[in-house]
Each structure stands twice: as C-alpha cells, then as structure tokens.
C-alpha cells in the first residue's frame, strides 16, 4: 500500500514539473539559529503535528511512505504539538504511546477515532476509555500517562515548538536548520489543485532539503 502511495506522489511531482529548485523564504525557511539534533551523521527529520488536525491526518499516509522510502538516509521523529488545555490529553496520549512502544500499533487508530468516529479525546477519561477499548491495560496506561517521564516529554515538545517557531501544523523540520510545510511549499510555482498535489509539492521540497543537508 505504501509503495502505491509513494508511486502516486512521485507521478504527481513529475506532473507538477518539480524540476524548479525550491526557494528559501518561499517554499521553506531557514531558522535564524540552527537547533541541535540527535541523529549523528544521518539527517534528522521531525514532524510537528496534532491528532486533532485534519491536515495532519491527511498528510500521514504520504509522509509515512516518504520516510520509509528514505531508508537509512534519515532519522524520522514526530512531535505532538501543544495548543491549549483541550489538546493536552492528546499530546499526553501520543507521548504515552511512544513510551510504551504502542505508537505504531495505535497511531492510525487514534486518527481514525478523531476524524472518522468523531471522538474528541479531549479529557483524560475519554483517552483512558479509548485505550481500554483497544485491549490495553487501563491502569498500566494511566500510570505511564501521569508519569514524570511523559510530563517531561510534553515540556520538551513545547520547548521545541518555540525553538522551531512552530505556529501551524503539520510542519516539517529538517537537520535542525530548515522548516517547511504543505502551506509553505504551495507558495512557489503553480498552486496545487488538490491535496495529492499539495502533498507531492511539500515532499519534493523535503527531498531538496535532505539533499542540501547531506551536502553540508
């Protein structure tokens, strides 16, 4: 399935005439101060997203396909943004799934619950009810959810949002130096006529930024 998604996006890029090189300040931005990364010799790619965001939900399949296609070239990370009290339970949900090694198993189900089943997951109890329905031990999950470790991950995420100047999402940071997004990538050239083209445009910008980072 992922291969089909990636092929479709590659065809979209070709159809858009993606030979034009992305422009700094138009298709992407360079951060005023480079941020430290933890990927060693590999290129760190970080997605800032929110479970409640419909654009993040739509972007997940092509982004996942892109990240897998990069193979050993990158280290791919995801950061759930904070945006007030209503998103804190979702933010803690994400980092608890990460801490318990359940992210790959349940991530798509969270998006499904919020955008198809219309579950808001905006309180602790709603999150715990959802988790219990997935066959996960409620107490084990709630203990991790309320742990100092998850609280620390939330604080770090909020600090990263400030350092990377995250004011909308989804947003992609590459090599601690560049940021782009579907909205930014749509600034240059002919505007995308549909969501598939929009995603293809930002993935093409990301390809360019990864290559730029590798050449440093």
Protein backbone atom coordinates (compact mmCIF):
# COMPACT_ATOMS: atom_id res chain seq x y z
CA UNK A 1 0.00 0.00 0.00
CA UNK A 2 2.79 2.43 0.95
CA UNK A 3 4.61 1.70 -2.33
CA UNK A 4 1.46 2.60 -4.27
CA UNK A 5 1.10 5.85 -2.33
CA UNK A 6 4.73 6.76 -2.96
CA UNK A 7 4.44 5.96 -6.67
CA UNK A 8 1.32 8.10 -6.98
CA UNK A 9 3.07 11.01 -5.25
CA UNK A 10 6.13 10.63 -7.46
CA UNK A 11 3.91 10.85 -10.52
CA UNK A 12 2.25 13.96 -9.09
CA UNK A 13 5.66 15.60 -8.64
CA UNK A 14 6.53 14.86 -12.26
CA UNK A 15 3.19 16.23 -13.42
CA UNK A 16 3.80 19.43 -11.46
CA UNK A 17 7.12 19.99 -13.19
CA UNK A 18 9.06 19.70 -9.97
CA UNK A 19 12.39 20.45 -11.65
CA UNK A 20 12.30 24.04 -10.34
CA UNK A 21 14.52 24.25 -7.28
CA UNK A 22 12.65 25.19 -4.08
CA UNK A 23 13.40 28.71 -2.87
CA UNK A 24 14.42 29.73 0.61
CA UNK A 25 11.86 32.11 2.09
CA UNK A 26 9.19 30.85 -0.31
CA UNK A 27 8.92 27.06 -0.27
CA UNK A 28 10.81 26.69 3.00
CA UNK A 29 12.53 28.78 5.66
CA UNK A 30 15.95 28.66 7.25
CA UNK A 31 15.82 29.04 11.02
CA UNK A 32 17.69 32.03 12.48
CA UNK A 33 19.50 29.67 14.85
CA UNK A 34 20.24 26.04 13.98
CA UNK A 35 18.91 23.56 16.54
CA UNK A 36 20.91 20.64 17.92
CA UNK A 37 19.89 17.25 16.54
CA UNK A 38 20.45 13.73 17.83
CA UNK A 39 20.77 11.84 14.54
CA UNK A 40 24.57 11.76 14.31
CA UNK A 41 25.69 11.57 10.69
CA UNK A 42 22.14 10.99 9.48
CA UNK A 43 19.68 13.77 8.69
CA UNK A 44 17.05 14.35 11.35
CA UNK A 45 13.54 14.97 10.02
CA UNK A 46 10.91 15.97 12.56
CA UNK A 47 7.19 16.33 12.01
CA UNK A 48 5.23 18.66 14.29
CA UNK A 49 1.59 17.57 14.21
CA UNK A 50 -1.62 17.20 16.20
CA UNK A 51 -4.03 14.27 16.26
CA UNK A 52 -6.95 16.72 16.04
CA UNK A 53 -5.62 18.43 12.90
CA UNK A 54 -7.42 17.27 9.70
CA UNK A 55 -4.45 18.33 7.56
CA UNK A 56 -2.11 16.23 9.71
CA UNK A 57 -4.48 13.30 9.35
CA UNK A 58 -4.46 13.60 5.55
CA UNK A 59 -0.68 14.03 5.43
CA UNK A 60 0.17 10.92 7.49
CA UNK A 61 -0.01 8.23 4.75
CA UNK A 62 2.17 10.05 2.17
CA UNK A 63 4.56 11.29 4.84
CA UNK A 64 4.99 7.77 6.26
CA UNK A 65 5.61 6.42 2.77
CA UNK A 66 8.21 9.13 2.14
CA UNK A 67 10.00 8.45 5.43
CA UNK A 68 10.17 4.71 4.72
CA UNK A 69 11.48 5.35 1.21
CA UNK A 70 14.34 7.43 2.67
CA UNK A 71 15.66 4.34 4.43
CA UNK A 72 18.93 4.89 6.29
CA UNK A 73 19.36 8.44 4.97
CA UNK A 74 17.29 10.00 7.75
CA UNK A 75 16.11 9.62 11.32
CA UNK A 76 12.39 10.42 11.37
CA UNK A 77 10.75 11.80 14.51
CA UNK A 78 7.32 13.11 15.38
CA UNK A 79 6.36 15.71 17.97
CA UNK A 80 2.75 16.25 19.02
CA UNK A 81 2.22 19.97 19.45
CA UNK A 82 0.52 21.63 22.39
CA UNK A 83 -2.26 24.11 21.71
CA UNK A 84 -4.09 24.80 24.95
CA UNK A 85 -5.82 22.64 27.53
CA UNK A 86 -8.03 20.79 25.03
CA UNK A 87 -5.04 19.28 23.20
CA UNK A 88 -3.04 18.33 26.30
CA UNK A 89 -4.75 14.91 26.68
CA UNK A 90 -3.98 14.11 23.03
CA UNK A 91 -0.41 15.29 23.48
CA UNK A 92 0.00 13.09 26.56
CA UNK A 93 -1.68 10.22 24.70
CA UNK A 94 0.91 10.44 21.92
CA UNK A 95 3.91 10.51 24.25
CA UNK A 96 2.47 7.69 26.38
CA UNK A 97 2.03 5.51 23.30
CA UNK A 98 5.62 6.36 22.39
CA UNK A 99 6.89 5.50 25.88
CA UNK A 100 5.04 2.16 25.93
CA UNK A 101 6.07 1.16 22.40
CA UNK A 102 2.45 1.28 21.22
CA UNK A 103 2.69 4.12 18.73
CA UNK A 104 2.95 2.02 15.58
CA UNK A 105 0.10 -0.21 16.76
CA UNK A 106 -2.36 2.53 17.73
CA UNK A 107 -1.38 5.75 15.95
CA UNK A 108 -3.66 5.23 12.93
CA UNK A 109 -6.48 4.18 15.25
CA UNK A 110 -6.25 7.49 17.12
CA UNK A 111 -6.57 9.42 13.85
CA UNK A 112 -9.48 7.15 12.87
CA UNK A 113 -11.19 7.74 16.20
CA UNK A 114 -10.90 11.52 15.97
CA UNK A 115 -11.61 12.12 12.27
CA UNK A 116 -13.98 9.29 11.35
CA UNK A 117 -15.64 8.28 14.61
CA UNK A 118 -15.62 11.91 15.85
CA UNK A 119 -14.26 11.09 19.30
CA UNK A 120 -12.82 14.26 20.76
CA UNK A 121 -10.32 12.65 23.16
CA UNK A 122 -10.01 15.98 24.93
CA UNK A 123 -10.15 14.70 28.52
CA UNK A 124 -8.08 12.14 30.40
CA UNK A 125 -11.08 9.86 30.92
CA UNK A 126 -12.02 9.86 27.24
CA UNK A 127 -8.43 8.90 26.42
CA UNK A 128 -8.46 6.09 29.01
CA UNK A 129 -11.82 4.79 27.72
CA UNK A 130 -10.45 4.74 24.17
CA UNK A 131 -7.30 2.92 25.27
CA UNK A 132 -9.26 0.31 27.21
CA UNK A 133 -11.35 -0.42 24.10
CA UNK A 134 -8.12 -1.19 22.25
CA UNK A 135 -7.38 -4.01 24.70
CA UNK A 136 -4.66 -2.08 26.56
CA UNK A 137 -4.48 -2.33 30.34
CA UNK A 138 -6.10 0.87 31.60
CA UNK A 139 -4.09 1.17 34.83
CA UNK A 140 -0.75 0.49 33.16
CA UNK A 141 -1.52 3.11 30.57
CA UNK A 142 -2.83 5.69 33.05
CA UNK A 143 0.25 5.24 35.25
CA UNK A 144 2.51 5.97 32.28
CA UNK A 145 0.24 8.81 31.12
CA UNK A 146 0.58 10.53 34.51
CA UNK A 147 4.29 9.78 34.89
CA UNK A 148 7.12 12.28 35.24
CA UNK A 149 8.62 10.84 32.05
CA UNK A 150 5.63 11.73 29.90
CA UNK A 151 5.35 15.14 31.56
CA UNK A 152 8.98 15.76 30.64
CA UNK A 153 8.31 14.79 27.01
CA UNK A 154 5.42 17.25 26.89
CA UNK A 155 7.61 20.04 28.27
CA UNK A 156 10.34 19.25 25.75
CA UNK A 157 7.80 19.26 22.91
CA UNK A 158 6.55 22.68 23.92
CA UNK A 159 10.11 24.00 24.14
CA UNK A 160 10.85 22.60 20.66
CA UNK A 161 7.77 24.33 19.29
CA UNK A 162 9.22 27.65 20.42
CA UNK A 163 12.73 26.89 19.17
CA UNK A 164 11.46 25.80 15.74
CA UNK A 165 8.97 28.67 15.53
CA UNK A 166 6.02 26.31 15.12
CA UNK A 167 2.82 28.31 14.72
CA UNK A 168 0.89 25.99 12.38
CA UNK A 169 0.94 22.29 11.54
CA UNK A 170 1.79 19.93 10.03
CA UNK A 171 5.26 21.40 9.89
CA UNK A 172 8.47 19.56 8.98
CA UNK A 173 11.92 20.44 10.35
CA UNK A 174 15.00 19.09 8.58
CA UNK A 175 18.51 18.92 10.03
CA UNK A 176 17.63 21.42 12.75
CA UNK A 177 18.02 24.18 10.14
CA UNK A 178 15.08 24.21 7.77
CA UNK A 179 11.31 24.16 8.13
CA UNK A 180 8.65 23.58 5.51
CA UNK A 181 5.00 22.61 5.35
CA UNK A 182 2.29 21.95 2.78
CA UNK A 183 1.24 25.59 3.07
CA UNK A 184 4.80 26.91 2.56
CA UNK A 185 5.55 24.53 -0.31
CA UNK A 186 2.41 25.75 -2.07
CA UNK A 187 3.79 29.30 -2.22
CA UNK A 188 6.12 28.60 -5.13
CA UNK A 189 5.08 27.81 -8.71
CA UNK A 190 1.60 26.83 -9.76
CA UNK A 191 -0.71 26.32 -6.75
CA UNK A 192 -1.76 22.74 -6.08
CA UNK A 193 -5.24 21.91 -7.37
CA UNK A 194 -5.86 19.07 -4.92
CA UNK A 195 -4.47 17.57 -1.73
CA UNK A 196 -2.41 14.91 -3.53
CA UNK A 197 -0.58 17.62 -5.49
CA UNK A 198 -0.12 19.66 -2.32
CA UNK A 199 1.50 16.71 -0.56
CA UNK A 200 3.66 15.99 -3.60
CA UNK A 201 4.91 19.58 -3.56
CA UNK A 202 5.99 19.53 0.07
CA UNK A 203 7.63 16.11 -0.28
CA UNK A 204 9.62 17.44 -3.23
CA UNK A 205 10.78 20.35 -1.06
CA UNK A 206 11.72 17.88 1.66
CA UNK A 207 13.76 15.84 -0.85
CA UNK A 208 15.63 19.02 -1.75
CA UNK A 209 16.29 19.92 1.88
CA UNK A 210 17.55 16.44 2.75
CA UNK A 211 19.99 16.61 -0.17
CA UNK A 212 21.05 20.12 0.89
CA UNK A 213 21.68 18.90 4.44
CA UNK A 214 23.65 15.91 3.20
CA UNK A 215 25.90 18.18 1.15
CA UNK A 216 26.90 20.41 4.06
